[in-house]
Amino acid sequence: MKDFKSYSAPTGGNGADSADEKEQTANLAAAIAKAFGGKSEGQIWQTILKQAEQGKRDGTLTNADLDNFYAALSPLLDAFKRQKLKQIITKLKAI
C-alpha cells in the first residue's frame, strides 16, 4: 500500500453516481485488491490502520479522507467487516 489517501474515492457534490465516479470506484477496488493480494485479513487491517494513523499524525489525512475511504470500501464488505471498518474509522477520527 503506497499511502492511505490514494485509496479514497472522490465524492460527488450532488449525491448522484456518474459513470465516471463508478469507473473510479471500480478502479479503486482493483487497486485495493492488487495491493492486498496474498495478504491475510489481519495483515490488511494492520496495514490500513498503520497507514491511516501515520497520515492522521502527520496531518496528511483528514476526517473527510477517512469518510471517503469508508464510502469507497464499505460496499465491498459484508456487514461484519463493514462494522469493523466503521469502528476503525471512528478510532482514527479521534487521533
PDB file of N, CA and C in Angstrom:
ATOM      1  N   MET A   1       0.855  -1.175   0.000  1.00  0.00           N
ATOM      2  CA  MET A   1       0.000   0.000   0.000  1.00  0.00           C
ATOM      3  C   MET A   1       0.894   1.228   0.000  1.00  0.00           C
ATOM      4  N   LYS A   2       0.774   2.053  -1.032  1.00  0.00           N
ATOM      5  CA  LYS A   2       1.664   3.203  -1.119  1.00  0.00           C
ATOM      6  C   LYS A   2       1.302   4.289  -0.118  1.00  0.00           C
ATOM      7  N   ASP A   3       0.061   4.675  -0.027  1.00  0.00           N
ATOM      8  CA  ASP A   3      -0.393   5.591   1.006  1.00  0.00           C
ATOM      9  C   ASP A   3      -1.913   5.485   1.116  1.00  0.00           C
ATOM     10  N   PHE A   4      -2.410   5.849   2.266  1.00  0.00           N
ATOM     11  CA  PHE A   4      -3.821   5.676   2.576  1.00  0.00           C
ATOM     12  C   PHE A   4      -4.715   6.525   1.680  1.00  0.00           C
ATOM     13  N   LYS A   5      -4.314   7.764   1.442  1.00  0.00           N
ATOM     14  CA  LYS A   5      -5.157   8.685   0.677  1.00  0.00           C
ATOM     15  C   LYS A   5      -5.403   8.221  -0.750  1.00  0.00           C
ATOM     16  N   SER A   6      -4.473   7.485  -1.305  1.00  0.00           N
ATOM     17  CA  SER A   6      -4.641   7.052  -2.687  1.00  0.00           C
ATOM     18  C   SER A   6      -5.766   6.040  -2.838  1.00  0.00           C
ATOM     19  N   TYR A   7      -6.278   5.517  -1.731  1.00  0.00           N
ATOM     20  CA  TYR A   7      -7.347   4.536  -1.782  1.00  0.00           C
ATOM     21  C   TYR A   7      -8.699   5.119  -1.397  1.00  0.00           C
ATOM     22  N   SER A   8      -8.807   6.430  -1.296  1.00  0.00           N
ATOM     23  CA  SER A   8     -10.111   7.021  -1.003  1.00  0.00           C
ATOM     24  C   SER A   8     -10.700   7.578  -2.283  1.00  0.00           C
ATOM     25  N   ALA A   9     -11.943   7.256  -2.505  1.00  0.00           N
ATOM     26  CA  ALA A   9     -12.620   7.656  -3.745  1.00  0.00           C
ATOM     27  C   ALA A   9     -13.140   9.073  -3.617  1.00  0.00           C
ATOM     28  N   PRO A  10     -13.203   9.801  -4.715  1.00  0.00           N
ATOM     29  CA  PRO A  10     -13.786  11.143  -4.678  1.00  0.00           C
ATOM     30  C   PRO A  10     -15.281  11.066  -4.429  1.00  0.00           C
ATOM     31  N   THR A  11     -15.809  12.104  -3.815  1.00  0.00           N
ATOM     32  CA  THR A  11     -17.251  12.141  -3.569  1.00  0.00           C
ATOM     33  C   THR A  11     -17.887  13.130  -4.515  1.00  0.00           C
ATOM     34  N   GLY A  12     -19.068  12.795  -4.987  1.00  0.00           N
ATOM     35  CA  GLY A  12     -19.798  13.674  -5.897  1.00  0.00           C
ATOM     36  C   GLY A  12     -20.533  14.743  -5.120  1.00  0.00           C
ATOM     37  N   GLY A  13     -20.581  15.922  -5.657  1.00  0.00           N
ATOM     38  CA  GLY A  13     -21.232  17.024  -4.972  1.00  0.00           C
ATOM     39  C   GLY A  13     -22.738  16.900  -4.930  1.00  0.00           C
ATOM     40  N   ASN A  14     -23.347  16.240  -5.925  1.00  0.00           N
ATOM     41  CA  ASN A  14     -24.803  16.194  -5.974  1.00  0.00           C
ATOM     42  C   ASN A  14     -25.390  14.900  -5.424  1.00  0.00           C
ATOM     43  N   GLY A  15     -24.532  13.985  -4.966  1.00  0.00           N
ATOM     44  CA  GLY A  15     -25.015  12.746  -4.394  1.00  0.00           C
ATOM     45  C   GLY A  15     -25.349  11.678  -5.409  1.00  0.00           C
ATOM     46  N   ALA A  16     -25.368  12.009  -6.681  1.00  0.00           N
ATOM     47  CA  ALA A  16     -25.680  11.036  -7.723  1.00  0.00           C
ATOM     48  C   ALA A  16     -24.385  10.425  -8.247  1.00  0.00           C
ATOM     49  N   ASP A  17     -24.429   9.134  -8.573  1.00  0.00           N
ATOM     50  CA  ASP A  17     -23.265   8.457  -9.125  1.00  0.00           C
ATOM     51  C   ASP A  17     -23.207   8.680 -10.622  1.00  0.00           C
ATOM     52  N   SER A  18     -22.141   9.310 -11.076  1.00  0.00           N
ATOM     53  CA  SER A  18     -21.947   9.452 -12.509  1.00  0.00           C
ATOM     54  C   SER A  18     -21.192   8.231 -13.011  1.00  0.00           C
ATOM     55  N   ALA A  19     -21.144   8.050 -14.302  1.00  0.00           N
ATOM     56  CA  ALA A  19     -20.401   6.928 -14.881  1.00  0.00           C
ATOM     57  C   ALA A  19     -18.933   7.042 -14.521  1.00  0.00           C
ATOM     58  N   ASP A  20     -18.405   8.262 -14.493  1.00  0.00           N
ATOM     59  CA  ASP A  20     -17.001   8.476 -14.146  1.00  0.00           C
ATOM     60  C   ASP A  20     -16.724   8.067 -12.701  1.00  0.00           C
ATOM     61  N   GLU A  21     -17.621   8.421 -11.780  1.00  0.00           N
ATOM     62  CA  GLU A  21     -17.447   8.043 -10.379  1.00  0.00           C
ATOM     63  C   GLU A  21     -17.505   6.528 -10.213  1.00  0.00           C
ATOM     64  N   LYS A  22     -18.391   5.876 -10.941  1.00  0.00           N
ATOM     65  CA  LYS A  22     -18.485   4.419 -10.871  1.00  0.00           C
ATOM     66  C   LYS A  22     -17.210   3.776 -11.399  1.00  0.00           C
ATOM     67  N   GLU A  23     -16.664   4.341 -12.464  1.00  0.00           N
ATOM     68  CA  GLU A  23     -15.415   3.820 -13.015  1.00  0.00           C
ATOM     69  C   GLU A  23     -14.266   4.035 -12.032  1.00  0.00           C
ATOM     70  N   GLN A  24     -14.228   5.195 -11.394  1.00  0.00           N
ATOM     71  CA  GLN A  24     -13.190   5.473 -10.410  1.00  0.00           C
ATOM     72  C   GLN A  24     -13.303   4.516  -9.228  1.00  0.00           C
ATOM     73  N   THR A  25     -14.523   4.218  -8.802  1.00  0.00           N
ATOM     74  CA  THR A  25     -14.721   3.285  -7.700  1.00  0.00           C
ATOM     75  C   THR A  25     -14.282   1.884  -8.102  1.00  0.00           C
ATOM     76  N   ALA A  26     -14.582   1.475  -9.320  1.00  0.00           N
ATOM     77  CA  ALA A  26     -14.137   0.167  -9.811  1.00  0.00           C
ATOM     78  C   ALA A  26     -12.613   0.113  -9.881  1.00  0.00           C
ATOM     79  N   ASN A  27     -11.997   1.198 -10.332  1.00  0.00           N
ATOM     80  CA  ASN A  27     -10.535   1.251 -10.366  1.00  0.00           C
ATOM     81  C   ASN A  27      -9.948   1.195  -8.964  1.00  0.00           C
ATOM     82  N   LEU A  28     -10.615   1.868  -8.026  1.00  0.00           N
ATOM     83  CA  LEU A  28     -10.185   1.840  -6.637  1.00  0.00           C
ATOM     84  C   LEU A  28     -10.229   0.415  -6.092  1.00  0.00           C
ATOM     85  N   ALA A  29     -11.314  -0.292  -6.358  1.00  0.00           N
ATOM     86  CA  ALA A  29     -11.453  -1.672  -5.885  1.00  0.00           C
ATOM     87  C   ALA A  29     -10.355  -2.553  -6.474  1.00  0.00           C
ATOM     88  N   ALA A  30     -10.050  -2.360  -7.746  1.00  0.00           N
ATOM     89  CA  ALA A  30      -8.985  -3.138  -8.386  1.00  0.00           C
ATOM     90  C   ALA A  30      -7.626  -2.821  -7.763  1.00  0.00           C
ATOM     91  N   ALA A  31      -7.374  -1.549  -7.473  1.00  0.00           N
ATOM     92  CA  ALA A  31      -6.103  -1.157  -6.859  1.00  0.00           C
ATOM     93  C   ALA A  31      -5.957  -1.746  -5.465  1.00  0.00           C
ATOM     94  N   ILE A  32      -7.050  -1.738  -4.713  1.00  0.00           N
ATOM     95  CA  ILE A  32      -7.021  -2.312  -3.368  1.00  0.00           C
ATOM     96  C   ILE A  32      -6.762  -3.810  -3.442  1.00  0.00           C
ATOM     97  N   ALA A  33      -7.463  -4.489  -4.334  1.00  0.00           N
ATOM     98  CA  ALA A  33      -7.272  -5.936  -4.495  1.00  0.00           C
ATOM     99  C   ALA A  33      -5.826  -6.259  -4.869  1.00  0.00           C
ATOM    100  N   LYS A  34      -5.259  -5.478  -5.762  1.00  0.00           N
ATOM    101  CA  LYS A  34      -3.880  -5.705  -6.178  1.00  0.00           C
ATOM    102  C   LYS A  34      -2.907  -5.453  -5.024  1.00  0.00           C
ATOM    103  N   ALA A  35      -3.119  -4.378  -4.296  1.00  0.00           N
ATOM    104  CA  ALA A  35      -2.223  -4.024  -3.198  1.00  0.00           C
ATOM    105  C   ALA A  35      -2.243  -5.056  -2.083  1.00  0.00           C
ATOM    106  N   PHE A  36      -3.391  -5.676  -1.861  1.00  0.00           N
ATOM    107  CA  PHE A  36      -3.521  -6.604  -0.744  1.00  0.00           C
ATOM    108  C   PHE A  36      -3.539  -8.062  -1.172  1.00  0.00           C
ATOM    109  N   GLY A  37      -3.285  -8.335  -2.425  1.00  0.00           N
ATOM    110  CA  GLY A  37      -3.287  -9.706  -2.922  1.00  0.00           C
ATOM    111  C   GLY A  37      -2.312 -10.580  -2.151  1.00  0.00           C
ATOM    112  N   GLY A  38      -2.777 -11.730  -1.690  1.00  0.00           N
ATOM    113  CA  GLY A  38      -1.931 -12.681  -0.980  1.00  0.00           C
ATOM    114  C   GLY A  38      -1.763 -12.404   0.502  1.00  0.00           C
ATOM    115  N   LYS A  39      -2.347 -11.329   1.007  1.00  0.00           N
ATOM    116  CA  LYS A  39      -2.223 -10.999   2.424  1.00  0.00           C
ATOM    117  C   LYS A  39      -3.442 -11.509   3.180  1.00  0.00           C
ATOM    118  N   SER A  40      -3.219 -11.829   4.435  1.00  0.00           N
ATOM    119  CA  SER A  40      -4.330 -12.270   5.274  1.00  0.00           C
ATOM    120  C   SER A  40      -5.189 -11.067   5.660  1.00  0.00           C
ATOM    121  N   GLU A  41      -6.376 -11.354   6.124  1.00  0.00           N
ATOM    122  CA  GLU A  41      -7.268 -10.285   6.550  1.00  0.00           C
ATOM    123  C   GLU A  41      -6.636  -9.459   7.667  1.00  0.00           C
ATOM    124  N   GLY A  42      -5.981 -10.128   8.596  1.00  0.00           N
ATOM    125  CA  GLY A  42      -5.315  -9.420   9.692  1.00  0.00           C
ATOM    126  C   GLY A  42      -4.231  -8.487   9.193  1.00  0.00           C
ATOM    127  N   GLN A  43      -3.455  -8.942   8.214  1.00  0.00           N
ATOM    128  CA  GLN A  43      -2.404  -8.092   7.639  1.00  0.00           C
ATOM    129  C   GLN A  43      -3.011  -6.875   6.934  1.00  0.00           C
ATOM    130  N   ILE A  44      -4.117  -7.077   6.277  1.00  0.00           N
ATOM    131  CA  ILE A  44      -4.785  -5.969   5.587  1.00  0.00           C
ATOM    132  C   ILE A  44      -5.249  -4.917   6.586  1.00  0.00           C
ATOM    133  N   TRP A  45      -5.930  -5.348   7.652  1.00  0.00           N
ATOM    134  CA  TRP A  45      -6.412  -4.404   8.660  1.00  0.00           C
ATOM    135  C   TRP A  45      -5.243  -3.682   9.311  1.00  0.00           C
ATOM    136  N   GLN A  46      -4.154  -4.404   9.602  1.00  0.00           N
ATOM    137  CA  GLN A  46      -2.977  -3.781  10.210  1.00  0.00           C
ATOM    138  C   GLN A  46      -2.392  -2.719   9.294  1.00  0.00           C
ATOM    139  N   THR A  47      -2.302  -3.012   8.013  1.00  0.00           N
ATOM    140  CA  THR A  47      -1.734  -2.069   7.054  1.00  0.00           C
ATOM    141  C   THR A  47      -2.608  -0.826   6.949  1.00  0.00           C
ATOM    142  N   ILE A  48      -3.898  -1.016   6.852  1.00  0.00           N
ATOM    143  CA  ILE A  48      -4.823   0.121   6.775  1.00  0.00           C
ATOM    144  C   ILE A  48      -4.672   0.994   8.018  1.00  0.00           C
ATOM    145  N   LEU A  49      -4.686   0.378   9.180  1.00  0.00           N
ATOM    146  CA  LEU A  49      -4.604   1.125  10.428  1.00  0.00           C
ATOM    147  C   LEU A  49      -3.268   1.860  10.549  1.00  0.00           C
ATOM    148  N   LYS A  50      -2.188   1.187  10.227  1.00  0.00           N
ATOM    149  CA  LYS A  50      -0.856   1.787  10.327  1.00  0.00           C
ATOM    150  C   LYS A  50      -0.738   3.014   9.410  1.00  0.00           C
ATOM    151  N   GLN A  51      -1.154   2.873   8.150  1.00  0.00           N
ATOM    152  CA  GLN A  51      -1.064   3.977   7.194  1.00  0.00           C
ATOM    153  C   GLN A  51      -1.961   5.141   7.609  1.00  0.00           C
ATOM    154  N   ALA A  52      -3.146   4.829   8.069  1.00  0.00           N
ATOM    155  CA  ALA A  52      -4.085   5.880   8.457  1.00  0.00           C
ATOM    156  C   ALA A  52      -3.601   6.611   9.710  1.00  0.00           C
ATOM    157  N   GLU A  53      -3.106   5.872  10.692  1.00  0.00           N
ATOM    158  CA  GLU A  53      -2.582   6.511  11.904  1.00  0.00           C
ATOM    159  C   GLU A  53      -1.431   7.452  11.556  1.00  0.00           C
ATOM    160  N   GLN A  54      -0.545   7.019  10.699  1.00  0.00           N
ATOM    161  CA  GLN A  54       0.577   7.857  10.286  1.00  0.00           C
ATOM    162  C   GLN A  54       0.082   9.111   9.580  1.00  0.00           C
ATOM    163  N   GLY A  55      -0.876   8.950   8.698  1.00  0.00           N
ATOM    164  CA  GLY A  55      -1.433  10.097   7.989  1.00  0.00           C
ATOM    165  C   GLY A  55      -2.111  11.099   8.918  1.00  0.00           C
ATOM    166  N   LYS A  56      -2.844  10.593   9.896  1.00  0.00           N
ATOM    167  CA  LYS A  56      -3.502  11.483  10.863  1.00  0.00           C
ATOM    168  C   LYS A  56      -2.462  12.225  11.693  1.00  0.00           C
ATOM    169  N   ARG A  57      -1.429  11.524  12.129  1.00  0.00           N
ATOM    170  CA  ARG A  57      -0.411  12.139  12.983  1.00  0.00           C
ATOM    171  C   ARG A  57       0.412  13.190  12.235  1.00  0.00           C
ATOM    172  N   ASP A  58       0.691  12.960  10.958  1.00  0.00           N
ATOM    173  CA  ASP A  58       1.495  13.944  10.219  1.00  0.00           C
ATOM    174  C   ASP A  58       0.634  14.971   9.481  1.00  0.00           C
ATOM    175  N   GLY A  59      -0.688  14.891   9.652  1.00  0.00           N
ATOM    176  CA  GLY A  59      -1.581  15.910   9.103  1.00  0.00           C
ATOM    177  C   GLY A  59      -1.917  15.774   7.628  1.00  0.00           C
ATOM    178  N   THR A  60      -1.579  14.638   7.023  1.00  0.00           N
ATOM    179  CA  THR A  60      -1.868  14.454   5.604  1.00  0.00           C
ATOM    180  C   THR A  60      -3.175  13.707   5.359  1.00  0.00           C
ATOM    181  N   LEU A  61      -3.829  13.262   6.410  1.00  0.00           N
ATOM    182  CA  LEU A  61      -5.084  12.531   6.281  1.00  0.00           C
ATOM    183  C   LEU A  61      -6.144  13.218   7.131  1.00  0.00           C
ATOM    184  N   THR A  62      -7.239  13.605   6.496  1.00  0.00           N
ATOM    185  CA  THR A  62      -8.313  14.304   7.199  1.00  0.00           C
ATOM    186  C   THR A  62      -9.462  13.348   7.503  1.00  0.00           C
ATOM    187  N   ASN A  63     -10.375  13.805   8.322  1.00  0.00           N
ATOM    188  CA  ASN A  63     -11.573  13.009   8.599  1.00  0.00           C
ATOM    189  C   ASN A  63     -12.407  12.839   7.334  1.00  0.00           C
ATOM    190  N   ALA A  64     -12.399  13.829   6.464  1.00  0.00           N
ATOM    191  CA  ALA A  64     -13.121  13.709   5.186  1.00  0.00           C
ATOM    192  C   ALA A  64     -12.498  12.607   4.335  1.00  0.00           C
ATOM    193  N   ASP A  65     -11.165  12.496   4.351  1.00  0.00           N
ATOM    194  CA  ASP A  65     -10.495  11.414   3.623  1.00  0.00           C
ATOM    195  C   ASP A  65     -10.920  10.059   4.181  1.00  0.00           C
ATOM    196  N   LEU A  66     -11.039   9.971   5.501  1.00  0.00           N
ATOM    197  CA  LEU A  66     -11.481   8.724   6.127  1.00  0.00           C
ATOM    198  C   LEU A  66     -12.909   8.388   5.715  1.00  0.00           C
ATOM    199  N   ASP A  67     -13.767   9.399   5.678  1.00  0.00           N
ATOM    200  CA  ASP A  67     -15.151   9.180   5.239  1.00  0.00           C
ATOM    201  C   ASP A  67     -15.193   8.703   3.789  1.00  0.00           C
ATOM    202  N   ASN A  68     -14.364   9.306   2.942  1.00  0.00           N
ATOM    203  CA  ASN A  68     -14.310   8.895   1.535  1.00  0.00           C
ATOM    204  C   ASN A  68     -13.823   7.456   1.411  1.00  0.00           C
ATOM    205  N   PHE A  69     -12.822   7.098   2.198  1.00  0.00           N
ATOM    206  CA  PHE A  69     -12.298   5.729   2.174  1.00  0.00           C
ATOM    207  C   PHE A  69     -13.388   4.751   2.589  1.00  0.00           C
ATOM    208  N   TYR A  70     -14.104   5.072   3.661  1.00  0.00           N
ATOM    209  CA  TYR A  70     -15.190   4.206   4.121  1.00  0.00           C
ATOM    210  C   TYR A  70     -16.267   4.071   3.047  1.00  0.00           C
ATOM    211  N   ALA A  71     -16.636   5.185   2.441  1.00  0.00           N
ATOM    212  CA  ALA A  71     -17.675   5.162   1.404  1.00  0.00           C
ATOM    213  C   ALA A  71     -17.260   4.315   0.209  1.00  0.00           C
ATOM    214  N   ALA A  72     -15.978   4.339  -0.117  1.00  0.00           N
ATOM    215  CA  ALA A  72     -15.490   3.573  -1.261  1.00  0.00           C
ATOM    216  C   ALA A  72     -15.363   2.089  -0.952  1.00  0.00           C
ATOM    217  N   LEU A  73     -14.932   1.765   0.254  1.00  0.00           N
ATOM    218  CA  LEU A  73     -14.643   0.373   0.587  1.00  0.00           C
ATOM    219  C   LEU A  73     -15.838  -0.384   1.160  1.00  0.00           C
ATOM    220  N   SER A  74     -16.701   0.285   1.889  1.00  0.00           N
ATOM    221  CA  SER A  74     -17.778  -0.405   2.595  1.00  0.00           C
ATOM    222  C   SER A  74     -18.703  -1.229   1.699  1.00  0.00           C
ATOM    223  N   PRO A  75     -19.028  -0.795   0.479  1.00  0.00           N
ATOM    224  CA  PRO A  75     -19.900  -1.633  -0.349  1.00  0.00           C
ATOM    225  C   PRO A  75     -19.269  -2.977  -0.739  1.00  0.00           C
ATOM    226  N   LEU A  76     -17.960  -3.075  -0.612  1.00  0.00           N
ATOM    227  CA  LEU A  76     -17.257  -4.309  -0.971  1.00  0.00           C
ATOM    228  C   LEU A  76     -17.209  -5.304   0.183  1.00  0.00           C
ATOM    229  N   LEU A  77     -17.670  -4.907   1.362  1.00  0.00           N
ATOM    230  CA  LEU A  77     -17.542  -5.726   2.568  1.00  0.00           C
ATOM    231  C   LEU A  77     -18.882  -6.294   3.013  1.00  0.00           C
ATOM    232  N   ASP A  78     -18.816  -7.414   3.752  1.00  0.00           N
ATOM    233  CA  ASP A  78     -20.031  -7.939   4.367  1.00  0.00           C
ATOM    234  C   ASP A  78     -20.343  -7.098   5.609  1.00  0.00           C
ATOM    235  N   ALA A  79     -21.479  -7.315   6.228  1.00  0.00           N
ATOM    236  CA  ALA A  79     -21.937  -6.478   7.344  1.00  0.00           C
ATOM    237  C   ALA A  79     -20.955  -6.473   8.502  1.00  0.00           C
ATOM    238  N   PHE A  80     -20.383  -7.622   8.850  1.00  0.00           N
ATOM    239  CA  PHE A  80     -19.443  -7.703   9.972  1.00  0.00           C
ATOM    240  C   PHE A  80     -18.190  -6.875   9.692  1.00  0.00           C
ATOM    241  N   LYS A  81     -17.624  -7.030   8.498  1.00  0.00           N
ATOM    242  CA  LYS A  81     -16.401  -6.303   8.153  1.00  0.00           C
ATOM    243  C   LYS A  81     -16.669  -4.809   7.984  1.00  0.00           C
ATOM    244  N   ARG A  82     -17.852  -4.470   7.482  1.00  0.00           N
ATOM    245  CA  ARG A  82     -18.227  -3.065   7.347  1.00  0.00           C
ATOM    246  C   ARG A  82     -18.301  -2.415   8.732  1.00  0.00           C
ATOM    247  N   GLN A  83     -18.870  -3.138   9.707  1.00  0.00           N
ATOM    248  CA  GLN A  83     -18.952  -2.609  11.072  1.00  0.00           C
ATOM    249  C   GLN A  83     -17.553  -2.466  11.669  1.00  0.00           C
ATOM    250  N   LYS A  84     -16.683  -3.421  11.411  1.00  0.00           N
ATOM    251  CA  LYS A  84     -15.307  -3.349  11.906  1.00  0.00           C
ATOM    252  C   LYS A  84     -14.594  -2.139  11.307  1.00  0.00           C
ATOM    253  N   LEU A  85     -14.765  -1.907  10.009  1.00  0.00           N
ATOM    254  CA  LEU A  85     -14.157  -0.753   9.357  1.00  0.00           C
ATOM    255  C   LEU A  85     -14.703   0.535   9.951  1.00  0.00           C
ATOM    256  N   LYS A  86     -16.000   0.588  10.211  1.00  0.00           N
ATOM    257  CA  LYS A  86     -16.603   1.781  10.808  1.00  0.00           C
ATOM    258  C   LYS A  86     -15.988   2.062  12.178  1.00  0.00           C
ATOM    259  N   GLN A  87     -15.754   1.024  12.967  1.00  0.00           N
ATOM    260  CA  GLN A  87     -15.123   1.194  14.279  1.00  0.00           C
ATOM    261  C   GLN A  87     -13.694   1.728  14.138  1.00  0.00           C
ATOM    262  N   ILE A  88     -12.968   1.215  13.162  1.00  0.00           N
ATOM    263  CA  ILE A  88     -11.600   1.673  12.925  1.00  0.00           C
ATOM    264  C   ILE A  88     -11.607   3.136  12.502  1.00  0.00           C
ATOM    265  N   ILE A  89     -12.518   3.504  11.603  1.00  0.00           N
ATOM    266  CA  ILE A  89     -12.612   4.889  11.140  1.00  0.00           C
ATOM    267  C   ILE A  89     -12.929   5.813  12.318  1.00  0.00           C
ATOM    268  N   THR A  90     -13.840   5.396  13.173  1.00  0.00           N
ATOM    269  CA  THR A  90     -14.195   6.202  14.358  1.00  0.00           C
ATOM    270  C   THR A  90     -12.973   6.389  15.251  1.00  0.00           C
ATOM    271  N   LYS A  91     -12.207   5.328  15.458  1.00  0.00           N
ATOM    272  CA  LYS A  91     -10.988   5.397  16.274  1.00  0.00           C
ATOM    273  C   LYS A  91      -9.985   6.352  15.648  1.00  0.00           C
ATOM    274  N   LEU A  92      -9.822   6.261  14.334  1.00  0.00           N
ATOM    275  CA  LEU A  92      -8.855   7.107  13.645  1.00  0.00           C
ATOM    276  C   LEU A  92      -9.259   8.583  13.693  1.00  0.00           C
ATOM    277  N   LYS A  93     -10.546   8.846  13.622  1.00  0.00           N
ATOM    278  CA  LYS A  93     -11.004  10.240  13.668  1.00  0.00           C
ATOM    279  C   LYS A  93     -10.667  10.902  15.009  1.00  0.00           C
ATOM    280  N   ALA A  94     -10.529  10.095  16.044  1.00  0.00           N
ATOM    281  CA  ALA A  94     -10.231  10.618  17.372  1.00  0.00           C
ATOM    282  C   ALA A  94      -8.757  11.001  17.532  1.00  0.00           C
ATOM    283  N   ILE A  95      -7.936  10.594  16.588  1.00  0.00           N
ATOM    284  CA  ILE A  95      -6.493  10.896  16.683  1.00  0.00           C
ATOM    285  C   ILE A  95      -6.268  12.355  16.339  1.00  0.00           C
TER     286      ILE A  95
END
